[in-house]
Amino acid sequence: MSAQTDPPTGDAGERARWIGGALHRLTGRQPLVEDTGDGGFRITTRVVEHPDSAVAAAVLRVLGAGDRFGHGRNERWEHLWAEVDPQLPEGGTW
């Protein structure tokens, strides 16, 4: 990914939108971007096919822009997720 597509360093919402948009472009599926209620976000996308190694590496890089990420599955499908923590208030503590 080029400097044009590097993750933003802005607020949680901006980071979550970037992750969601990048996952959409890479997977062809619109991810669900949910507000966690505390200023953070959770981004989830369903896995419908296993990508080639280049796309898989790009997806991992995008997920790594979150504060946490992972993979899950249930009896019906697999999914990828990333979480973006809320920004600390000015001064750096809650």
N, C-alpha and C. Protein backbone atom coordinates (compact mmCIF):
# COMPACT_ATOMS: atom_id res chain seq x y z
N MET A 1 0.85 -1.17 0.00
CA MET A 1 0.00 0.00 0.00
C MET A 1 0.89 1.24 0.00
N SER A 2 0.46 2.21 -0.72
CA SER A 2 1.27 3.41 -0.84
C SER A 2 0.97 4.39 0.28
N ALA A 3 1.73 5.48 0.32
CA ALA A 3 1.50 6.52 1.33
C ALA A 3 0.09 7.07 1.22
N GLN A 4 -0.47 7.06 0.01
CA GLN A 4 -1.84 7.54 -0.17
C GLN A 4 -2.84 6.69 0.59
N THR A 5 -2.53 5.42 0.76
CA THR A 5 -3.48 4.53 1.40
C THR A 5 -3.03 4.10 2.79
N ASP A 6 -2.04 4.79 3.36
CA ASP A 6 -1.62 4.48 4.72
C ASP A 6 -2.74 4.86 5.68
N PRO A 7 -2.85 4.13 6.79
CA PRO A 7 -3.93 4.45 7.74
C PRO A 7 -3.80 5.85 8.31
N PRO A 8 -4.91 6.50 8.57
CA PRO A 8 -4.86 7.83 9.15
C PRO A 8 -4.42 7.76 10.61
N THR A 9 -3.93 8.85 11.10
CA THR A 9 -3.53 8.92 12.51
C THR A 9 -4.52 9.75 13.30
N GLY A 10 -5.67 10.02 12.71
CA GLY A 10 -6.69 10.87 13.34
C GLY A 10 -7.50 10.15 14.39
N ASP A 11 -8.71 10.61 14.57
CA ASP A 11 -9.57 10.08 15.62
C ASP A 11 -10.05 8.67 15.31
N ALA A 12 -10.71 8.06 16.28
CA ALA A 12 -11.18 6.68 16.17
C ALA A 12 -12.13 6.51 14.99
N GLY A 13 -13.05 7.45 14.79
CA GLY A 13 -13.99 7.36 13.68
C GLY A 13 -13.30 7.37 12.34
N GLU A 14 -12.32 8.22 12.19
CA GLU A 14 -11.57 8.29 10.93
C GLU A 14 -10.82 6.98 10.68
N ARG A 15 -10.20 6.43 11.70
CA ARG A 15 -9.49 5.15 11.56
C ARG A 15 -10.46 4.02 11.21
N ALA A 16 -11.61 3.99 11.88
CA ALA A 16 -12.60 2.94 11.62
C ALA A 16 -13.13 3.03 10.19
N ARG A 17 -13.41 4.24 9.72
CA ARG A 17 -13.90 4.42 8.33
C ARG A 17 -12.83 3.98 7.34
N TRP A 18 -11.56 4.28 7.62
CA TRP A 18 -10.48 3.88 6.73
C TRP A 18 -10.38 2.35 6.67
N ILE A 19 -10.43 1.70 7.83
CA ILE A 19 -10.36 0.23 7.86
C ILE A 19 -11.54 -0.35 7.09
N GLY A 20 -12.75 0.16 7.36
CA GLY A 20 -13.93 -0.34 6.66
C GLY A 20 -13.83 -0.16 5.16
N GLY A 21 -13.40 1.00 4.71
CA GLY A 21 -13.27 1.26 3.28
C GLY A 21 -12.22 0.38 2.63
N ALA A 22 -11.09 0.21 3.30
CA ALA A 22 -10.02 -0.62 2.75
C ALA A 22 -10.46 -2.09 2.67
N LEU A 23 -11.14 -2.58 3.71
CA LEU A 23 -11.64 -3.96 3.67
C LEU A 23 -12.66 -4.14 2.55
N HIS A 24 -13.50 -3.14 2.35
CA HIS A 24 -14.49 -3.20 1.27
C HIS A 24 -13.79 -3.32 -0.08
N ARG A 25 -12.78 -2.49 -0.30
CA ARG A 25 -12.05 -2.54 -1.57
C ARG A 25 -11.34 -3.88 -1.75
N LEU A 26 -10.77 -4.42 -0.69
CA LEU A 26 -10.00 -5.67 -0.79
C LEU A 26 -10.88 -6.91 -0.90
N THR A 27 -12.02 -6.92 -0.22
CA THR A 27 -12.84 -8.13 -0.19
C THR A 27 -14.06 -8.07 -1.10
N GLY A 28 -14.45 -6.86 -1.50
CA GLY A 28 -15.65 -6.71 -2.30
C GLY A 28 -16.93 -6.77 -1.49
N ARG A 29 -16.81 -6.84 -0.17
CA ARG A 29 -17.98 -6.89 0.72
C ARG A 29 -17.95 -5.68 1.63
N GLN A 30 -19.11 -5.08 1.84
CA GLN A 30 -19.20 -3.91 2.74
C GLN A 30 -19.15 -4.40 4.19
N PRO A 31 -18.13 -4.01 4.95
CA PRO A 31 -18.07 -4.41 6.36
C PRO A 31 -19.08 -3.63 7.20
N LEU A 32 -19.38 -4.18 8.34
CA LEU A 32 -20.22 -3.51 9.32
C LEU A 32 -19.30 -2.73 10.25
N VAL A 33 -19.50 -1.42 10.35
CA VAL A 33 -18.73 -0.56 11.25
C VAL A 33 -19.69 -0.10 12.34
N GLU A 34 -19.45 -0.58 13.55
CA GLU A 34 -20.36 -0.31 14.66
C GLU A 34 -19.68 0.55 15.72
N ASP A 35 -20.41 1.53 16.21
CA ASP A 35 -19.97 2.35 17.34
C ASP A 35 -20.14 1.49 18.59
N THR A 36 -19.11 1.41 19.42
CA THR A 36 -19.19 0.57 20.63
C THR A 36 -19.84 1.29 21.79
N GLY A 37 -20.19 2.56 21.61
CA GLY A 37 -20.88 3.30 22.65
C GLY A 37 -19.96 4.06 23.58
N ASP A 38 -18.67 3.81 23.49
CA ASP A 38 -17.71 4.50 24.35
C ASP A 38 -16.74 5.35 23.55
N GLY A 39 -17.06 5.58 22.27
CA GLY A 39 -16.18 6.35 21.39
C GLY A 39 -15.30 5.47 20.52
N GLY A 40 -15.36 4.16 20.72
CA GLY A 40 -14.60 3.21 19.91
C GLY A 40 -15.48 2.61 18.83
N PHE A 41 -14.88 1.75 18.03
CA PHE A 41 -15.60 1.12 16.91
C PHE A 41 -15.16 -0.32 16.75
N ARG A 42 -16.07 -1.13 16.23
CA ARG A 42 -15.78 -2.52 15.86
C ARG A 42 -16.16 -2.67 14.39
N ILE A 43 -15.23 -3.19 13.61
CA ILE A 43 -15.43 -3.39 12.18
C ILE A 43 -15.44 -4.90 11.94
N THR A 44 -16.48 -5.40 11.26
CA THR A 44 -16.61 -6.83 11.02
C THR A 44 -16.94 -7.06 9.56
N THR A 45 -16.31 -8.07 8.96
CA THR A 45 -16.64 -8.45 7.59
C THR A 45 -16.65 -9.96 7.48
N ARG A 46 -17.56 -10.44 6.70
CA ARG A 46 -17.72 -11.87 6.48
C ARG A 46 -16.71 -12.36 5.45
N VAL A 47 -16.15 -13.54 5.68
CA VAL A 47 -15.23 -14.17 4.74
C VAL A 47 -16.04 -15.11 3.86
N VAL A 48 -16.03 -14.86 2.56
CA VAL A 48 -16.80 -15.72 1.65
C VAL A 48 -15.88 -16.57 0.77
N GLU A 49 -14.63 -16.16 0.65
CA GLU A 49 -13.66 -16.96 -0.10
C GLU A 49 -12.28 -16.63 0.45
N HIS A 50 -11.38 -17.58 0.30
CA HIS A 50 -10.03 -17.36 0.79
C HIS A 50 -9.21 -16.69 -0.31
N PRO A 51 -8.63 -15.52 -0.02
CA PRO A 51 -7.92 -14.76 -1.04
C PRO A 51 -6.52 -15.32 -1.31
N ASP A 52 -5.93 -14.84 -2.39
CA ASP A 52 -4.54 -15.21 -2.65
C ASP A 52 -3.64 -14.56 -1.61
N SER A 53 -2.38 -14.91 -1.60
CA SER A 53 -1.47 -14.46 -0.54
C SER A 53 -1.26 -12.95 -0.54
N ALA A 54 -1.28 -12.31 -1.69
CA ALA A 54 -1.09 -10.85 -1.75
C ALA A 54 -2.27 -10.12 -1.11
N VAL A 55 -3.48 -10.56 -1.42
CA VAL A 55 -4.67 -9.93 -0.84
C VAL A 55 -4.72 -10.23 0.65
N ALA A 56 -4.40 -11.46 1.04
CA ALA A 56 -4.41 -11.82 2.46
C ALA A 56 -3.43 -10.94 3.24
N ALA A 57 -2.25 -10.69 2.69
CA ALA A 57 -1.26 -9.82 3.35
C ALA A 57 -1.80 -8.40 3.47
N ALA A 58 -2.45 -7.91 2.43
CA ALA A 58 -3.02 -6.56 2.46
C ALA A 58 -4.14 -6.47 3.50
N VAL A 59 -4.98 -7.49 3.58
CA VAL A 59 -6.06 -7.51 4.57
C VAL A 59 -5.48 -7.49 5.98
N LEU A 60 -4.44 -8.28 6.22
CA LEU A 60 -3.81 -8.28 7.54
C LEU A 60 -3.22 -6.92 7.89
N ARG A 61 -2.64 -6.25 6.91
CA ARG A 61 -2.09 -4.91 7.16
C ARG A 61 -3.20 -3.94 7.54
N VAL A 62 -4.32 -4.02 6.84
CA VAL A 62 -5.46 -3.15 7.14
C VAL A 62 -6.00 -3.45 8.54
N LEU A 63 -6.20 -4.72 8.86
CA LEU A 63 -6.68 -5.09 10.19
C LEU A 63 -5.73 -4.60 11.28
N GLY A 64 -4.44 -4.62 10.98
CA GLY A 64 -3.42 -4.17 11.93
C GLY A 64 -3.50 -2.68 12.24
N ALA A 65 -4.26 -1.93 11.45
CA ALA A 65 -4.45 -0.50 11.74
C ALA A 65 -5.38 -0.30 12.93
N GLY A 66 -6.09 -1.36 13.32
CA GLY A 66 -6.93 -1.31 14.51
C GLY A 66 -6.08 -1.54 15.75
N ASP A 67 -6.71 -1.41 16.90
CA ASP A 67 -6.00 -1.67 18.15
C ASP A 67 -5.98 -3.16 18.49
N ARG A 68 -6.94 -3.90 17.98
CA ARG A 68 -7.01 -5.34 18.10
C ARG A 68 -7.69 -5.87 16.84
N PHE A 69 -7.35 -7.10 16.46
CA PHE A 69 -8.06 -7.71 15.35
C PHE A 69 -8.02 -9.21 15.49
N GLY A 70 -8.92 -9.87 14.76
CA GLY A 70 -8.94 -11.32 14.84
C GLY A 70 -9.87 -11.93 13.81
N HIS A 71 -10.10 -13.21 14.01
CA HIS A 71 -10.89 -14.02 13.09
C HIS A 71 -11.81 -14.88 13.94
N GLY A 72 -13.01 -15.09 13.47
CA GLY A 72 -13.94 -15.96 14.18
C GLY A 72 -14.76 -16.76 13.19
N ARG A 73 -15.41 -17.77 13.72
CA ARG A 73 -16.31 -18.56 12.87
C ARG A 73 -17.41 -19.13 13.74
N ASN A 74 -18.54 -19.34 13.11
CA ASN A 74 -19.63 -20.04 13.75
C ASN A 74 -20.10 -21.12 12.79
N GLU A 75 -21.22 -21.72 13.06
CA GLU A 75 -21.69 -22.82 12.20
C GLU A 75 -22.07 -22.36 10.80
N ARG A 76 -22.25 -21.05 10.60
CA ARG A 76 -22.68 -20.56 9.29
C ARG A 76 -21.60 -19.87 8.48
N TRP A 77 -20.65 -19.16 9.11
CA TRP A 77 -19.65 -18.43 8.34
C TRP A 77 -18.44 -18.05 9.18
N GLU A 78 -17.43 -17.57 8.46
CA GLU A 78 -16.23 -17.03 9.09
C GLU A 78 -16.29 -15.51 8.97
N HIS A 79 -15.62 -14.82 9.90
CA HIS A 79 -15.56 -13.37 9.81
C HIS A 79 -14.23 -12.85 10.35
N LEU A 80 -13.87 -11.67 9.89
CA LEU A 80 -12.71 -10.94 10.37
C LEU A 80 -13.22 -9.73 11.13
N TRP A 81 -12.48 -9.31 12.15
CA TRP A 81 -12.90 -8.14 12.91
C TRP A 81 -11.68 -7.32 13.33
N ALA A 82 -11.92 -6.05 13.54
CA ALA A 82 -10.92 -5.14 14.10
C ALA A 82 -11.65 -4.21 15.06
N GLU A 83 -10.97 -3.80 16.11
CA GLU A 83 -11.52 -2.83 17.05
C GLU A 83 -10.60 -1.62 17.12
N VAL A 84 -11.22 -0.46 17.19
CA VAL A 84 -10.50 0.80 17.33
C VAL A 84 -10.94 1.40 18.65
N ASP A 85 -9.99 1.60 19.54
CA ASP A 85 -10.28 2.17 20.85
C ASP A 85 -10.64 3.65 20.73
N PRO A 86 -11.44 4.14 21.68
CA PRO A 86 -11.73 5.58 21.69
C PRO A 86 -10.45 6.35 21.98
N GLN A 87 -10.44 7.58 21.52
CA GLN A 87 -9.29 8.44 21.81
C GLN A 87 -9.30 8.85 23.27
N LEU A 88 -8.13 8.94 23.86
CA LEU A 88 -8.03 9.48 25.21
C LEU A 88 -8.34 10.97 25.17
N PRO A 89 -8.96 11.48 26.19
CA PRO A 89 -9.20 12.92 26.23
C PRO A 89 -7.89 13.69 26.32
N GLU A 90 -7.96 14.96 26.03
CA GLU A 90 -6.78 15.84 26.15
C GLU A 90 -6.12 15.60 27.52
N GLY A 91 -4.83 15.38 27.53
CA GLY A 91 -4.13 15.11 28.77
C GLY A 91 -3.79 13.63 28.91
N GLY A 92 -4.45 12.76 28.14
CA GLY A 92 -4.06 11.38 28.06
C GLY A 92 -4.59 10.43 29.12
N THR A 93 -5.51 10.83 29.98
CA THR A 93 -6.08 9.90 30.95
C THR A 93 -7.59 10.03 30.98
N TRP A 94 -8.27 9.00 31.41
CA TRP A 94 -9.72 9.01 31.54
C TRP A 94 -10.03 9.64 32.82
